[in-house]
Each structure stands twice: as C-alpha cells, then as structure tokens.
Amino acid sequence: MLADDGVTVGPTGQPVTLADTEADLEEHGRIGYGRYGSASPKILAAIIILVVAAIGIGSLRERLGDAPGDGPRMAPDIELALLDGSPWRLSDHRGAVVVINFWASWCEPCKEEMPAFELASAQGGADVVFVGVGAKLDRDEDVRSFIQRYGVTYAIGRDLGGDDRGRGTIERDYGVVGYPATFFISPDGTISAVVMGAIDIDRLQTYIDAART
C-alpha cells in the first residue's frame, strides 16, 4: 500500500538518476553521469534531485490513484519482451511476491544495488519473482554487458513500447521518472511498497517479507 508508514517514495537520502533524450545524450551526456556531470554545481544538482522527487511523488500518486484513506492499489499489468525474446507478464505471476526493478546501465545506484537483487533472487524461493525493466534510452549492448558484469540471472527486458522517446509504456504506467525505482507487488496483485533509490540486501528482504503478508 502506498502510505507514509509503509512505503518509501522519493530519494530518502539516495541519489536518483535521469536520462535525457537521445539527442541530448549526444550533445550533453547523461544527467549526473554524462561527460559534464562531474562539473555540474552542487546547488544545481540538489535542485534537480528535489524537483525529481516532487515530480516522482506526484506522478506516482496520479498514476496509481494514491490518496490518504485509499486501500491497496492494483499494479498495472506488464507485458515485457525479455532479452532472450520470450514474453513476461505480471499477470502470470499472481500468487507470488513480484519485485519489479526499473534500472539503467549508466545508473550508479543501480550498480550498487544489483548484487543485492541477484542474491535475493537466488535465495527468494518459488514464491518470489524478480524482473528487471531496462530504460528505453539504454543501448542493447550496454544492457547485455551490464547483465554479464553483475551475473544477473533473473528475468530482464527493456521497456521499448510507446511513442515517448524518453520513457517506455511500462515506465509511464508506473509513473517512473528516475532510476532505480523498485515496486513490490503482493501475491494478490496489489502494490505493497515503492522505493526510489538503491536498496541493500536487508531492506530488500524486509520489503519482500512485508509484501507476503
């Protein structure tokens, strides 16, 4: 459920990364991690993070219909083509806890948390399913290199749908504006928690356990 005492939405002290359009990438690099990212003033970086947090919270509430007093919200269904070409559907995993992680290969917090996700996936058991949703602006070769580097074995695909150059259909439906963003889906298909920013193994397991109940 999206609630103040049960959900972490926003950076919470963790960095959030963005991506420009493809044209902007060529000219300026990626925000925060591009060719000019290290030269950006600290004040500007702080303003960007605050704006992203505000946009992210508003977008999530608008997309998922969250408001004080509301009950659990159903997660939008997902149809994702995995890197091996096979289809992955959220609706096929009803009855299990599903961890949906939105990420990008250039995202530093994504790199930090990926070993924890792989470990939790390996130890999670049959009632926990992980899926990684790669950024639309990422490059296929970079995604595959990232997966190989971190030894990721759970399902990974890229969110390529829709007409928006910057965001895929799944990111739009979930209101994702920064990486990483992780959604914990309960066995009944409702959203248990949303976390924006890197997650360590202990917090990851805590959210999984909460989603089971």
N, C-alpha and C. Protein backbone atom coordinates (compact mmCIF):
# COMPACT_ATOMS: atom_id res chain seq x y z
N MET A 1 0.87 -1.19 0.00
CA MET A 1 0.00 0.00 0.00
C MET A 1 0.90 1.23 0.00
N LEU A 2 0.50 2.23 -0.74
CA LEU A 2 1.24 3.47 -0.72
C LEU A 2 0.79 4.29 0.48
N ALA A 3 1.59 4.30 1.54
CA ALA A 3 1.24 5.02 2.76
C ALA A 3 2.51 5.50 3.42
N ASP A 4 2.37 6.56 4.23
CA ASP A 4 3.55 7.17 4.84
C ASP A 4 4.30 6.20 5.73
N ASP A 5 3.59 5.29 6.38
CA ASP A 5 4.27 4.41 7.32
C ASP A 5 4.66 3.08 6.70
N GLY A 6 4.35 2.87 5.45
CA GLY A 6 4.66 1.58 4.87
C GLY A 6 5.38 1.66 3.54
N VAL A 7 5.62 2.86 3.03
CA VAL A 7 6.21 2.98 1.70
C VAL A 7 7.26 4.06 1.72
N THR A 8 8.35 3.79 1.05
CA THR A 8 9.37 4.81 0.88
C THR A 8 9.30 5.30 -0.56
N VAL A 9 8.89 6.52 -0.76
CA VAL A 9 8.80 7.10 -2.09
C VAL A 9 9.65 8.35 -2.10
N GLY A 10 10.55 8.43 -3.05
CA GLY A 10 11.44 9.57 -3.10
C GLY A 10 12.85 9.14 -2.78
N PRO A 11 13.81 10.04 -2.92
CA PRO A 11 15.21 9.67 -2.77
C PRO A 11 15.57 9.15 -1.39
N THR A 12 14.99 9.66 -0.32
CA THR A 12 15.32 9.29 1.06
C THR A 12 16.83 9.23 1.30
N GLY A 13 17.49 10.23 0.81
CA GLY A 13 18.93 10.27 1.00
C GLY A 13 19.69 9.51 -0.06
N GLN A 14 19.00 8.84 -0.96
CA GLN A 14 19.64 8.09 -2.02
C GLN A 14 19.60 8.91 -3.31
N PRO A 15 20.61 8.78 -4.14
CA PRO A 15 20.60 9.54 -5.40
C PRO A 15 19.60 8.98 -6.38
N VAL A 16 19.08 9.86 -7.24
CA VAL A 16 18.17 9.46 -8.30
C VAL A 16 18.78 9.91 -9.61
N THR A 17 18.76 9.07 -10.62
CA THR A 17 19.35 9.42 -11.90
C THR A 17 18.27 9.61 -12.94
N LEU A 18 18.58 10.42 -13.96
CA LEU A 18 17.67 10.69 -15.05
C LEU A 18 18.36 10.42 -16.37
N ALA A 19 17.59 10.42 -17.45
CA ALA A 19 18.17 10.32 -18.78
C ALA A 19 17.59 11.41 -19.65
N ASP A 20 18.42 12.02 -20.48
CA ASP A 20 17.93 12.97 -21.47
C ASP A 20 17.38 12.21 -22.67
N THR A 21 16.88 12.95 -23.65
CA THR A 21 16.53 12.32 -24.91
C THR A 21 17.82 11.89 -25.61
N GLU A 22 17.68 11.08 -26.66
CA GLU A 22 18.87 10.59 -27.36
C GLU A 22 19.70 11.74 -27.92
N ALA A 23 19.02 12.78 -28.43
CA ALA A 23 19.75 13.93 -28.97
C ALA A 23 20.54 14.63 -27.88
N ASP A 24 19.92 14.75 -26.70
CA ASP A 24 20.61 15.39 -25.58
C ASP A 24 21.79 14.58 -25.11
N LEU A 25 21.65 13.25 -25.17
CA LEU A 25 22.75 12.39 -24.76
C LEU A 25 23.99 12.65 -25.62
N GLU A 26 23.74 12.81 -26.91
CA GLU A 26 24.85 13.03 -27.82
C GLU A 26 25.52 14.37 -27.56
N GLU A 27 24.70 15.38 -27.22
CA GLU A 27 25.25 16.72 -27.07
C GLU A 27 25.79 16.99 -25.68
N HIS A 28 25.10 16.49 -24.65
CA HIS A 28 25.45 16.86 -23.28
C HIS A 28 25.86 15.71 -22.39
N GLY A 29 25.59 14.48 -22.79
CA GLY A 29 25.84 13.36 -21.89
C GLY A 29 24.64 13.16 -20.99
N ARG A 30 24.67 12.11 -20.20
CA ARG A 30 23.55 11.80 -19.32
C ARG A 30 23.64 12.65 -18.05
N ILE A 31 22.49 13.08 -17.59
CA ILE A 31 22.45 13.94 -16.41
C ILE A 31 23.06 13.23 -15.22
N GLY A 32 24.03 13.86 -14.58
CA GLY A 32 24.64 13.31 -13.39
C GLY A 32 25.80 12.40 -13.68
N TYR A 33 25.76 11.69 -14.82
CA TYR A 33 26.82 10.73 -15.11
C TYR A 33 27.34 10.90 -16.53
N GLY A 34 27.01 12.02 -17.18
CA GLY A 34 27.46 12.26 -18.52
C GLY A 34 28.83 12.90 -18.54
N ARG A 35 29.22 13.37 -19.71
CA ARG A 35 30.55 13.94 -19.86
C ARG A 35 30.75 15.18 -19.01
N TYR A 36 29.63 15.90 -18.74
CA TYR A 36 29.72 17.13 -17.97
C TYR A 36 29.13 17.00 -16.59
N GLY A 37 28.71 15.77 -16.23
CA GLY A 37 28.02 15.58 -14.95
C GLY A 37 28.87 16.00 -13.77
N SER A 38 30.17 15.65 -13.78
CA SER A 38 31.02 15.92 -12.62
C SER A 38 31.30 17.41 -12.46
N ALA A 39 31.07 18.18 -13.52
CA ALA A 39 31.35 19.62 -13.45
C ALA A 39 30.13 20.42 -13.04
N SER A 40 28.96 19.75 -12.87
CA SER A 40 27.74 20.47 -12.51
C SER A 40 27.86 21.02 -11.10
N PRO A 41 27.37 22.24 -10.83
CA PRO A 41 27.42 22.82 -9.48
C PRO A 41 26.60 21.99 -8.52
N LYS A 42 27.06 21.91 -7.28
CA LYS A 42 26.35 21.11 -6.28
C LYS A 42 24.95 21.65 -6.03
N ILE A 43 24.81 22.95 -6.07
CA ILE A 43 23.49 23.53 -5.83
C ILE A 43 22.52 23.11 -6.92
N LEU A 44 22.96 23.14 -8.17
CA LEU A 44 22.11 22.73 -9.27
C LEU A 44 21.72 21.27 -9.13
N ALA A 45 22.68 20.44 -8.74
CA ALA A 45 22.40 19.01 -8.56
C ALA A 45 21.35 18.79 -7.48
N ALA A 46 21.47 19.56 -6.38
CA ALA A 46 20.50 19.42 -5.29
C ALA A 46 19.10 19.84 -5.75
N ILE A 47 19.03 20.92 -6.53
CA ILE A 47 17.74 21.38 -7.03
C ILE A 47 17.11 20.32 -7.94
N ILE A 48 17.93 19.73 -8.80
CA ILE A 48 17.43 18.69 -9.70
C ILE A 48 16.85 17.53 -8.92
N ILE A 49 17.56 17.09 -7.87
CA ILE A 49 17.08 15.95 -7.08
C ILE A 49 15.75 16.29 -6.41
N LEU A 50 15.64 17.51 -5.86
CA LEU A 50 14.39 17.91 -5.21
C LEU A 50 13.24 17.96 -6.21
N VAL A 51 13.51 18.50 -7.39
CA VAL A 51 12.46 18.57 -8.41
C VAL A 51 12.04 17.17 -8.84
N VAL A 52 13.03 16.29 -9.05
CA VAL A 52 12.73 14.92 -9.44
C VAL A 52 11.88 14.22 -8.40
N ALA A 53 12.24 14.43 -7.12
CA ALA A 53 11.47 13.80 -6.03
C ALA A 53 10.03 14.28 -6.05
N ALA A 54 9.83 15.59 -6.22
CA ALA A 54 8.47 16.13 -6.23
C ALA A 54 7.67 15.60 -7.41
N ILE A 55 8.31 15.58 -8.58
CA ILE A 55 7.64 15.07 -9.78
C ILE A 55 7.32 13.59 -9.61
N GLY A 56 8.28 12.86 -9.06
CA GLY A 56 8.09 11.42 -8.91
C GLY A 56 6.94 11.09 -7.99
N ILE A 57 6.86 11.76 -6.85
CA ILE A 57 5.78 11.50 -5.91
C ILE A 57 4.44 11.86 -6.53
N GLY A 58 4.37 13.03 -7.17
CA GLY A 58 3.12 13.44 -7.80
C GLY A 58 2.70 12.49 -8.90
N SER A 59 3.68 12.07 -9.70
CA SER A 59 3.37 11.17 -10.81
C SER A 59 2.88 9.83 -10.31
N LEU A 60 3.55 9.29 -9.27
CA LEU A 60 3.13 8.01 -8.71
C LEU A 60 1.71 8.10 -8.16
N ARG A 61 1.41 9.17 -7.43
CA ARG A 61 0.08 9.31 -6.84
C ARG A 61 -0.98 9.43 -7.94
N GLU A 62 -0.64 10.16 -9.01
CA GLU A 62 -1.61 10.33 -10.10
C GLU A 62 -1.83 9.02 -10.83
N ARG A 63 -0.75 8.31 -11.13
CA ARG A 63 -0.86 7.06 -11.89
C ARG A 63 -1.55 5.97 -11.09
N LEU A 64 -1.19 5.87 -9.81
CA LEU A 64 -1.66 4.75 -9.01
C LEU A 64 -2.86 5.11 -8.15
N GLY A 65 -3.30 6.38 -8.21
CA GLY A 65 -4.51 6.78 -7.52
C GLY A 65 -4.36 6.81 -6.01
N ASP A 66 -3.16 7.05 -5.51
CA ASP A 66 -2.94 7.02 -4.07
C ASP A 66 -3.46 8.30 -3.42
N ALA A 67 -4.13 8.14 -2.31
CA ALA A 67 -4.60 9.27 -1.52
C ALA A 67 -4.85 8.78 -0.11
N PRO A 68 -4.77 9.67 0.89
CA PRO A 68 -5.00 9.24 2.26
C PRO A 68 -6.34 8.51 2.40
N GLY A 69 -6.31 7.36 3.04
CA GLY A 69 -7.52 6.59 3.26
C GLY A 69 -7.81 5.58 2.18
N ASP A 70 -7.10 5.65 1.06
CA ASP A 70 -7.29 4.67 0.00
C ASP A 70 -6.79 3.31 0.42
N GLY A 71 -7.38 2.26 -0.13
CA GLY A 71 -6.91 0.91 0.13
C GLY A 71 -5.79 0.54 -0.83
N PRO A 72 -5.39 -0.73 -0.79
CA PRO A 72 -4.32 -1.20 -1.68
C PRO A 72 -4.70 -0.99 -3.15
N ARG A 73 -3.70 -0.66 -3.97
CA ARG A 73 -3.93 -0.41 -5.38
C ARG A 73 -3.37 -1.56 -6.22
N MET A 74 -4.10 -1.94 -7.25
CA MET A 74 -3.63 -2.98 -8.15
C MET A 74 -2.47 -2.46 -8.99
N ALA A 75 -1.47 -3.28 -9.17
CA ALA A 75 -0.34 -2.91 -10.03
C ALA A 75 -0.77 -2.99 -11.48
N PRO A 76 -0.43 -2.00 -12.31
CA PRO A 76 -0.71 -2.09 -13.73
C PRO A 76 -0.07 -3.35 -14.32
N ASP A 77 -0.79 -4.03 -15.19
CA ASP A 77 -0.23 -5.24 -15.77
C ASP A 77 0.97 -4.88 -16.65
N ILE A 78 1.88 -5.85 -16.78
CA ILE A 78 3.10 -5.65 -17.55
C ILE A 78 3.21 -6.75 -18.59
N GLU A 79 3.51 -6.35 -19.82
CA GLU A 79 3.88 -7.29 -20.87
C GLU A 79 5.24 -6.83 -21.39
N LEU A 80 6.25 -7.63 -21.11
CA LEU A 80 7.63 -7.25 -21.38
C LEU A 80 8.32 -8.32 -22.21
N ALA A 81 9.01 -7.90 -23.26
CA ALA A 81 9.83 -8.83 -24.04
C ALA A 81 11.20 -8.92 -23.38
N LEU A 82 11.57 -10.12 -22.93
CA LEU A 82 12.87 -10.30 -22.29
C LEU A 82 13.99 -10.30 -23.31
N LEU A 83 15.22 -10.23 -22.83
CA LEU A 83 16.37 -10.14 -23.72
C LEU A 83 16.50 -11.37 -24.61
N ASP A 84 15.99 -12.51 -24.14
CA ASP A 84 16.05 -13.71 -24.96
C ASP A 84 14.87 -13.84 -25.91
N GLY A 85 14.00 -12.82 -25.93
CA GLY A 85 12.86 -12.81 -26.84
C GLY A 85 11.59 -13.39 -26.28
N SER A 86 11.64 -14.01 -25.12
CA SER A 86 10.45 -14.62 -24.53
C SER A 86 9.59 -13.55 -23.85
N PRO A 87 8.27 -13.76 -23.80
CA PRO A 87 7.38 -12.78 -23.16
C PRO A 87 7.34 -12.97 -21.64
N TRP A 88 7.16 -11.86 -20.93
CA TRP A 88 7.00 -11.90 -19.47
C TRP A 88 5.79 -11.06 -19.13
N ARG A 89 4.83 -11.63 -18.38
CA ARG A 89 3.61 -10.93 -18.00
C ARG A 89 3.45 -10.97 -16.49
N LEU A 90 3.15 -9.83 -15.91
CA LEU A 90 2.92 -9.75 -14.48
C LEU A 90 1.75 -10.63 -14.06
N SER A 91 0.71 -10.66 -14.87
CA SER A 91 -0.48 -11.43 -14.54
C SER A 91 -0.21 -12.93 -14.43
N ASP A 92 0.86 -13.40 -15.04
CA ASP A 92 1.21 -14.82 -14.97
C ASP A 92 1.78 -15.21 -13.61
N HIS A 93 2.08 -14.23 -12.77
CA HIS A 93 2.76 -14.50 -11.50
C HIS A 93 1.90 -14.15 -10.29
N ARG A 94 0.58 -14.11 -10.49
CA ARG A 94 -0.33 -13.90 -9.38
C ARG A 94 -0.17 -15.05 -8.39
N GLY A 95 -0.10 -14.73 -7.11
CA GLY A 95 0.15 -15.73 -6.07
C GLY A 95 1.57 -15.70 -5.55
N ALA A 96 2.43 -14.93 -6.22
CA ALA A 96 3.82 -14.77 -5.78
C ALA A 96 4.09 -13.30 -5.48
N VAL A 97 5.09 -13.05 -4.66
CA VAL A 97 5.59 -11.68 -4.49
C VAL A 97 6.44 -11.35 -5.72
N VAL A 98 6.16 -10.22 -6.35
CA VAL A 98 6.92 -9.82 -7.54
C VAL A 98 7.67 -8.53 -7.23
N VAL A 99 8.96 -8.55 -7.51
CA VAL A 99 9.82 -7.38 -7.31
C VAL A 99 10.17 -6.83 -8.69
N ILE A 100 9.67 -5.64 -9.00
CA ILE A 100 9.91 -5.01 -10.31
C ILE A 100 10.92 -3.89 -10.12
N ASN A 101 12.07 -4.03 -10.75
CA ASN A 101 13.14 -3.05 -10.60
C ASN A 101 13.38 -2.33 -11.92
N PHE A 102 13.16 -1.00 -11.92
CA PHE A 102 13.43 -0.16 -13.08
C PHE A 102 14.87 0.35 -12.97
N TRP A 103 15.66 0.18 -14.01
CA TRP A 103 17.08 0.49 -13.91
C TRP A 103 17.64 0.91 -15.26
N ALA A 104 18.90 1.38 -15.24
CA ALA A 104 19.62 1.74 -16.46
C ALA A 104 21.09 1.39 -16.28
N SER A 105 21.76 1.06 -17.36
CA SER A 105 23.14 0.59 -17.26
C SER A 105 24.11 1.68 -16.81
N TRP A 106 23.78 2.96 -17.04
CA TRP A 106 24.66 4.06 -16.64
C TRP A 106 24.40 4.55 -15.21
N CYS A 107 23.37 4.01 -14.58
CA CYS A 107 22.93 4.48 -13.26
C CYS A 107 23.81 3.91 -12.15
N GLU A 108 24.53 4.78 -11.44
CA GLU A 108 25.44 4.33 -10.40
C GLU A 108 24.72 3.64 -9.23
N PRO A 109 23.61 4.19 -8.73
CA PRO A 109 22.89 3.47 -7.66
C PRO A 109 22.39 2.10 -8.12
N CYS A 110 22.06 1.97 -9.41
CA CYS A 110 21.64 0.66 -9.94
C CYS A 110 22.79 -0.34 -9.84
N LYS A 111 23.99 0.11 -10.12
CA LYS A 111 25.16 -0.76 -10.00
C LYS A 111 25.39 -1.17 -8.55
N GLU A 112 25.16 -0.24 -7.63
CA GLU A 112 25.38 -0.52 -6.21
C GLU A 112 24.43 -1.60 -5.69
N GLU A 113 23.18 -1.54 -6.15
CA GLU A 113 22.17 -2.44 -5.58
C GLU A 113 22.05 -3.77 -6.32
N MET A 114 22.59 -3.88 -7.53
CA MET A 114 22.36 -5.07 -8.35
C MET A 114 22.83 -6.37 -7.69
N PRO A 115 23.99 -6.40 -7.01
CA PRO A 115 24.36 -7.66 -6.34
C PRO A 115 23.34 -8.09 -5.29
N ALA A 116 22.74 -7.14 -4.59
CA ALA A 116 21.72 -7.48 -3.59
C ALA A 116 20.49 -8.08 -4.25
N PHE A 117 20.10 -7.55 -5.40
CA PHE A 117 18.94 -8.08 -6.11
C PHE A 117 19.22 -9.50 -6.60
N GLU A 118 20.40 -9.72 -7.12
CA GLU A 118 20.73 -11.08 -7.60
C GLU A 118 20.76 -12.06 -6.44
N LEU A 119 21.33 -11.66 -5.31
CA LEU A 119 21.38 -12.54 -4.15
C LEU A 119 19.98 -12.84 -3.63
N ALA A 120 19.15 -11.81 -3.52
CA ALA A 120 17.78 -12.01 -3.03
C ALA A 120 16.98 -12.89 -3.99
N SER A 121 17.23 -12.73 -5.28
CA SER A 121 16.55 -13.56 -6.26
C SER A 121 16.94 -15.03 -6.12
N ALA A 122 18.22 -15.28 -5.90
CA ALA A 122 18.70 -16.65 -5.76
C ALA A 122 18.19 -17.30 -4.49
N GLN A 123 17.99 -16.51 -3.44
CA GLN A 123 17.59 -17.04 -2.14
C GLN A 123 16.08 -16.93 -1.87
N GLY A 124 15.35 -16.30 -2.79
CA GLY A 124 13.97 -15.94 -2.51
C GLY A 124 12.98 -17.07 -2.47
N GLY A 125 13.25 -18.16 -3.16
CA GLY A 125 12.30 -19.26 -3.18
C GLY A 125 11.28 -19.11 -4.30
N ALA A 126 10.41 -20.09 -4.41
CA ALA A 126 9.45 -20.15 -5.51
C ALA A 126 8.36 -19.09 -5.41
N ASP A 127 8.17 -18.51 -4.24
CA ASP A 127 7.09 -17.54 -4.08
C ASP A 127 7.55 -16.10 -4.28
N VAL A 128 8.77 -15.89 -4.77
CA VAL A 128 9.28 -14.55 -5.04
C VAL A 128 9.83 -14.52 -6.47
N VAL A 129 9.36 -13.55 -7.25
CA VAL A 129 9.77 -13.41 -8.65
C VAL A 129 10.38 -12.02 -8.84
N PHE A 130 11.55 -11.99 -9.48
CA PHE A 130 12.21 -10.72 -9.79
C PHE A 130 12.16 -10.47 -11.30
N VAL A 131 11.99 -9.21 -11.66
CA VAL A 131 12.09 -8.82 -13.06
C VAL A 131 12.72 -7.45 -13.14
N GLY A 132 13.65 -7.28 -14.06
CA GLY A 132 14.29 -6.00 -14.29
C GLY A 132 13.75 -5.36 -15.55
N VAL A 133 13.35 -4.09 -15.44
CA VAL A 133 12.82 -3.35 -16.58
C VAL A 133 13.84 -2.29 -16.97
N GLY A 134 14.52 -2.51 -18.09
CA GLY A 134 15.58 -1.61 -18.52
C GLY A 134 15.05 -0.36 -19.20
N ALA A 135 15.80 0.73 -19.06
CA ALA A 135 15.39 2.03 -19.59
C ALA A 135 15.31 2.02 -21.11
N LYS A 136 14.36 2.76 -21.63
CA LYS A 136 14.17 2.86 -23.08
C LYS A 136 15.37 3.50 -23.75
N LEU A 137 16.01 4.46 -23.08
CA LEU A 137 17.14 5.18 -23.67
C LEU A 137 18.45 4.40 -23.58
N ASP A 138 18.43 3.26 -22.93
CA ASP A 138 19.64 2.45 -22.84
C ASP A 138 19.95 1.82 -24.20
N ARG A 139 21.13 1.30 -24.33
CA ARG A 139 21.53 0.62 -25.55
C ARG A 139 21.63 -0.87 -25.29
N ASP A 140 21.18 -1.66 -26.26
CA ASP A 140 21.10 -3.10 -26.07
C ASP A 140 22.45 -3.69 -25.67
N GLU A 141 23.53 -3.24 -26.30
CA GLU A 141 24.84 -3.79 -25.98
C GLU A 141 25.27 -3.42 -24.56
N ASP A 142 24.89 -2.23 -24.11
CA ASP A 142 25.22 -1.81 -22.75
C ASP A 142 24.44 -2.63 -21.72
N VAL A 143 23.18 -2.90 -22.04
CA VAL A 143 22.34 -3.71 -21.14
C VAL A 143 22.92 -5.10 -21.00
N ARG A 144 23.27 -5.73 -22.10
CA ARG A 144 23.80 -7.09 -22.06
C ARG A 144 25.16 -7.14 -21.34
N SER A 145 25.98 -6.11 -21.55
CA SER A 145 27.27 -6.04 -20.85
C SER A 145 27.06 -5.90 -19.35
N PHE A 146 26.08 -5.08 -18.96
CA PHE A 146 25.76 -4.87 -17.55
C PHE A 146 25.32 -6.19 -16.91
N ILE A 147 24.44 -6.90 -17.59
CA ILE A 147 23.92 -8.17 -17.07
C ILE A 147 25.03 -9.18 -16.88
N GLN A 148 25.93 -9.23 -17.84
CA GLN A 148 27.06 -10.16 -17.75
C GLN A 148 28.01 -9.75 -16.62
N ARG A 149 28.26 -8.47 -16.49
CA ARG A 149 29.20 -7.98 -15.48
C ARG A 149 28.74 -8.33 -14.07
N TYR A 150 27.43 -8.18 -13.82
CA TYR A 150 26.90 -8.40 -12.47
C TYR A 150 26.29 -9.79 -12.29
N GLY A 151 26.38 -10.63 -13.30
CA GLY A 151 25.92 -12.01 -13.19
C GLY A 151 24.44 -12.14 -12.89
N VAL A 152 23.62 -11.27 -13.49
CA VAL A 152 22.18 -11.29 -13.24
C VAL A 152 21.55 -12.49 -13.94
N THR A 153 20.79 -13.27 -13.19
CA THR A 153 20.18 -14.48 -13.75
C THR A 153 18.66 -14.40 -13.81
N TYR A 154 18.05 -13.42 -13.16
CA TYR A 154 16.59 -13.32 -13.22
C TYR A 154 16.17 -12.59 -14.50
N ALA A 155 14.86 -12.54 -14.74
CA ALA A 155 14.31 -12.00 -15.99
C ALA A 155 14.64 -10.52 -16.17
N ILE A 156 15.14 -10.18 -17.37
CA ILE A 156 15.48 -8.80 -17.70
C ILE A 156 14.95 -8.49 -19.09
N GLY A 157 14.32 -7.34 -19.23
CA GLY A 157 13.88 -6.87 -20.54
C GLY A 157 14.02 -5.37 -20.62
N ARG A 158 13.77 -4.81 -21.81
CA ARG A 158 13.82 -3.36 -22.00
C ARG A 158 12.44 -2.82 -22.31
N ASP A 159 12.13 -1.68 -21.72
CA ASP A 159 10.81 -1.05 -21.86
C ASP A 159 10.81 -0.18 -23.11
N LEU A 160 10.47 -0.77 -24.26
CA LEU A 160 10.61 -0.08 -25.54
C LEU A 160 9.29 0.40 -26.13
N GLY A 161 8.18 0.15 -25.47
CA GLY A 161 6.87 0.49 -26.02
C GLY A 161 6.53 1.96 -25.96
N GLY A 162 5.54 2.36 -26.77
CA GLY A 162 5.03 3.72 -26.73
C GLY A 162 5.77 4.68 -27.64
N ASP A 163 5.21 5.88 -27.77
CA ASP A 163 5.76 6.90 -28.66
C ASP A 163 6.69 7.89 -27.96
N ASP A 164 6.73 7.86 -26.63
CA ASP A 164 7.60 8.75 -25.87
C ASP A 164 9.05 8.34 -26.08
N ARG A 165 9.88 9.28 -26.49
CA ARG A 165 11.28 8.95 -26.75
C ARG A 165 12.06 8.63 -25.48
N GLY A 166 11.63 9.22 -24.37
CA GLY A 166 12.38 9.07 -23.13
C GLY A 166 11.91 7.95 -22.23
N ARG A 167 10.62 7.62 -22.29
CA ARG A 167 10.07 6.61 -21.38
C ARG A 167 9.24 5.60 -22.14
N GLY A 168 9.35 4.34 -21.73
CA GLY A 168 8.55 3.29 -22.31
C GLY A 168 7.17 3.25 -21.69
N THR A 169 6.33 2.39 -22.23
CA THR A 169 4.94 2.28 -21.77
C THR A 169 4.86 1.85 -20.30
N ILE A 170 5.72 0.92 -19.89
CA ILE A 170 5.68 0.42 -18.52
C ILE A 170 6.10 1.50 -17.55
N GLU A 171 7.18 2.23 -17.86
CA GLU A 171 7.60 3.34 -17.00
C GLU A 171 6.50 4.38 -16.88
N ARG A 172 5.83 4.67 -17.98
CA ARG A 172 4.75 5.65 -17.96
C ARG A 172 3.61 5.17 -17.06
N ASP A 173 3.22 3.91 -17.21
CA ASP A 173 2.11 3.38 -16.42
C ASP A 173 2.42 3.36 -14.93
N TYR A 174 3.69 3.18 -14.59
CA TYR A 174 4.09 3.14 -13.18
C TYR A 174 4.55 4.50 -12.65
N GLY A 175 4.61 5.51 -13.52
CA GLY A 175 4.99 6.84 -13.08
C GLY A 175 6.46 6.98 -12.74
N VAL A 176 7.31 6.18 -13.36
CA VAL A 176 8.75 6.21 -13.06
C VAL A 176 9.42 7.38 -13.76
N VAL A 177 10.18 8.18 -12.99
CA VAL A 177 10.92 9.30 -13.56
C VAL A 177 12.41 9.23 -13.23
N GLY A 178 12.85 8.29 -12.44
CA GLY A 178 14.25 8.18 -12.08
C GLY A 178 14.63 6.75 -11.79
N TYR A 179 15.93 6.49 -11.79
CA TYR A 179 16.44 5.14 -11.56
C TYR A 179 17.42 5.15 -10.38
N PRO A 180 17.40 4.03 -9.62
CA PRO A 180 16.49 2.90 -9.71
C PRO A 180 15.16 3.21 -9.02
N ALA A 181 14.12 2.49 -9.44
CA ALA A 181 12.82 2.54 -8.79
C ALA A 181 12.33 1.10 -8.67
N THR A 182 11.91 0.70 -7.48
CA THR A 182 11.54 -0.68 -7.24
C THR A 182 10.13 -0.76 -6.67
N PHE A 183 9.31 -1.62 -7.27
CA PHE A 183 7.94 -1.84 -6.83
C PHE A 183 7.82 -3.27 -6.30
N PHE A 184 7.20 -3.37 -5.13
CA PHE A 184 6.97 -4.68 -4.50
C PHE A 184 5.48 -5.00 -4.62
N ILE A 185 5.17 -6.08 -5.32
CA ILE A 185 3.80 -6.46 -5.60
C ILE A 185 3.43 -7.67 -4.75
N SER A 186 2.33 -7.57 -4.03
CA SER A 186 1.86 -8.66 -3.18
C SER A 186 1.24 -9.78 -4.03
N PRO A 187 1.08 -10.97 -3.45
CA PRO A 187 0.51 -12.09 -4.21
C PRO A 187 -0.85 -11.81 -4.80
N ASP A 188 -1.63 -10.89 -4.22
CA ASP A 188 -2.96 -10.59 -4.76
C ASP A 188 -2.91 -9.55 -5.87
N GLY A 189 -1.70 -9.11 -6.25
CA GLY A 189 -1.55 -8.16 -7.34
C GLY A 189 -1.57 -6.71 -6.93
N THR A 190 -1.64 -6.41 -5.65
CA THR A 190 -1.63 -5.03 -5.18
C THR A 190 -0.21 -4.57 -4.88
N ILE A 191 -0.02 -3.25 -4.92
CA ILE A 191 1.30 -2.67 -4.66
C ILE A 191 1.51 -2.58 -3.16
N SER A 192 2.54 -3.25 -2.68
CA SER A 192 2.85 -3.25 -1.26
C SER A 192 3.74 -2.07 -0.89
N ALA A 193 4.73 -1.75 -1.74
CA ALA A 193 5.67 -0.67 -1.43
C ALA A 193 6.35 -0.21 -2.71
N VAL A 194 6.81 1.03 -2.67
CA VAL A 194 7.58 1.62 -3.76
C VAL A 194 8.82 2.27 -3.16
N VAL A 195 9.98 1.97 -3.72
CA VAL A 195 11.23 2.56 -3.23
C VAL A 195 11.97 3.18 -4.40
N MET A 196 12.33 4.46 -4.26
CA MET A 196 13.17 5.12 -5.25
C MET A 196 14.54 5.32 -4.64
N GLY A 197 15.57 4.79 -5.29
CA GLY A 197 16.92 4.83 -4.76
C GLY A 197 17.42 3.42 -4.50
N ALA A 198 18.72 3.30 -4.26
CA ALA A 198 19.35 2.00 -4.07
C ALA A 198 18.87 1.33 -2.78
N ILE A 199 18.78 0.00 -2.83
CA ILE A 199 18.33 -0.79 -1.68
C ILE A 199 19.39 -1.83 -1.35
N ASP A 200 19.72 -1.97 -0.07
CA ASP A 200 20.66 -3.02 0.31
C ASP A 200 19.90 -4.32 0.58
N ILE A 201 20.61 -5.39 0.82
CA ILE A 201 20.00 -6.71 0.93
C ILE A 201 19.04 -6.79 2.11
N ASP A 202 19.36 -6.15 3.23
CA ASP A 202 18.49 -6.22 4.40
C ASP A 202 17.16 -5.52 4.15
N ARG A 203 17.20 -4.31 3.59
CA ARG A 203 15.96 -3.59 3.29
C ARG A 203 15.16 -4.32 2.22
N LEU A 204 15.86 -4.89 1.25
CA LEU A 204 15.19 -5.62 0.20
C LEU A 204 14.39 -6.79 0.78
N GLN A 205 15.00 -7.53 1.69
CA GLN A 205 14.32 -8.66 2.30
C GLN A 205 13.16 -8.20 3.17
N THR A 206 13.32 -7.06 3.83
CA THR A 206 12.24 -6.52 4.67
C THR A 206 11.01 -6.21 3.83
N TYR A 207 11.20 -5.58 2.68
CA TYR A 207 10.09 -5.26 1.81
C TYR A 207 9.44 -6.52 1.22
N ILE A 208 10.26 -7.51 0.91
CA ILE A 208 9.71 -8.78 0.38
C ILE A 208 8.85 -9.45 1.44
N ASP A 209 9.35 -9.51 2.67
CA ASP A 209 8.59 -10.13 3.75
C ASP A 209 7.28 -9.39 4.00
N ALA A 210 7.32 -8.06 3.92
CA ALA A 210 6.10 -7.26 4.13
C ALA A 210 5.08 -7.51 3.04
N ALA A 211 5.57 -7.70 1.81
CA ALA A 211 4.66 -7.95 0.69
C ALA A 211 3.98 -9.31 0.79
N ARG A 212 4.58 -10.24 1.51
CA ARG A 212 4.00 -11.58 1.66
C ARG A 212 2.74 -11.55 2.54
N THR A 213 2.69 -10.61 3.45
CA THR A 213 1.61 -10.60 4.45
C THR A 213 0.36 -9.90 3.93
